Amino acid sequence: MARVEIFRGKDDLEPFLTSEFGFLPRIGEYLAIEADGYFHHYNVVEIWHRRDEGGGDFIPCIRVELDD
């Protein structure tokens, strides 16, 4: 499983959520994230990989937009 960092804003420096995925979500797919007893649906709009400063590994990152 891969750790994926999820960002909401285009200029965010910190992810709003980090999760383990058995796959990398693709652009156009939706993520349903439960909060306060309600599922919020997020559309994946961008994918990139950033290099981890500590270990040098590349971490997959996605940007999502709320589509409720």
Protein backbone atom coordinates (compact mmCIF):
# COMPACT_ATOMS: atom_id res chain seq x y z
CA MET A 1 0.00 0.00 0.00
CA ALA A 2 1.15 3.49 -0.76
CA ARG A 3 0.77 6.56 1.41
CA VAL A 4 -0.97 9.31 -0.57
CA GLU A 5 -1.15 12.96 0.51
CA ILE A 6 -4.43 14.70 -0.32
CA PHE A 7 -4.60 18.46 -0.83
CA ARG A 8 -7.69 20.65 -1.26
CA GLY A 9 -6.23 24.01 -2.26
CA LYS A 10 -3.94 24.70 -5.20
CA ASP A 11 -1.51 26.64 -3.00
CA ASP A 12 -1.72 24.44 0.13
CA LEU A 13 1.65 23.55 1.60
CA GLU A 14 0.32 20.88 3.96
CA PRO A 15 -2.08 18.06 3.06
CA PHE A 16 -5.50 18.08 4.71
CA LEU A 17 -5.45 14.27 4.77
CA THR A 18 -2.91 11.48 4.40
CA SER A 19 -4.18 7.98 3.70
CA GLU A 20 -3.04 4.54 2.60
CA PHE A 21 -4.24 3.39 -0.82
CA GLY A 22 -3.79 0.09 -2.60
CA PHE A 23 -3.89 2.12 -5.82
CA LEU A 24 -3.33 5.70 -6.91
CA PRO A 25 -6.65 7.49 -7.55
CA ARG A 26 -6.84 8.89 -11.09
CA ILE A 27 -8.02 12.27 -12.34
CA GLY A 28 -11.79 12.26 -12.67
CA GLU A 29 -12.35 9.68 -9.93
CA TYR A 30 -14.16 10.54 -6.71
CA LEU A 31 -13.22 9.99 -3.09
CA ALA A 32 -15.96 9.79 -0.46
CA ILE A 33 -14.58 11.01 2.87
CA GLU A 34 -16.73 10.72 5.97
CA ALA A 35 -16.83 13.71 8.32
CA ASP A 36 -19.40 14.50 10.99
CA GLY A 37 -21.53 11.47 10.03
CA TYR A 38 -21.82 12.62 6.41
CA PHE A 39 -19.89 11.62 3.29
CA HIS A 40 -18.25 14.44 1.37
CA HIS A 41 -17.47 13.63 -2.27
CA TYR A 42 -14.22 14.98 -3.68
CA ASN A 43 -13.25 14.94 -7.36
CA VAL A 44 -9.57 14.19 -8.08
CA VAL A 45 -8.33 17.05 -10.30
CA GLU A 46 -4.52 16.82 -10.17
CA ILE A 47 -1.81 14.24 -9.46
CA TRP A 48 1.90 14.74 -8.83
CA HIS A 49 4.78 13.17 -6.89
CA ARG A 50 6.98 15.07 -4.47
CA ARG A 51 10.33 13.98 -3.13
CA ASP A 52 10.52 13.31 0.60
CA GLU A 53 13.34 15.37 2.08
CA GLY A 54 14.24 12.77 4.70
CA GLY A 55 14.46 9.52 2.78
CA GLY A 56 14.52 10.71 -0.82
CA ASP A 57 11.45 8.63 -1.70
CA PHE A 58 8.76 10.04 -3.98
CA ILE A 59 5.34 10.45 -2.37
CA PRO A 60 2.20 10.51 -4.52
CA CYS A 61 0.02 13.58 -4.00
CA ILE A 62 -3.43 14.42 -5.30
CA ARG A 63 -5.50 17.61 -5.30
CA VAL A 64 -9.24 17.29 -4.88
CA GLU A 65 -12.21 19.62 -5.16
CA LEU A 66 -15.38 19.26 -3.13
CA ASP A 67 -18.31 18.17 -5.28
CA ASP A 68 -21.26 17.88 -2.88
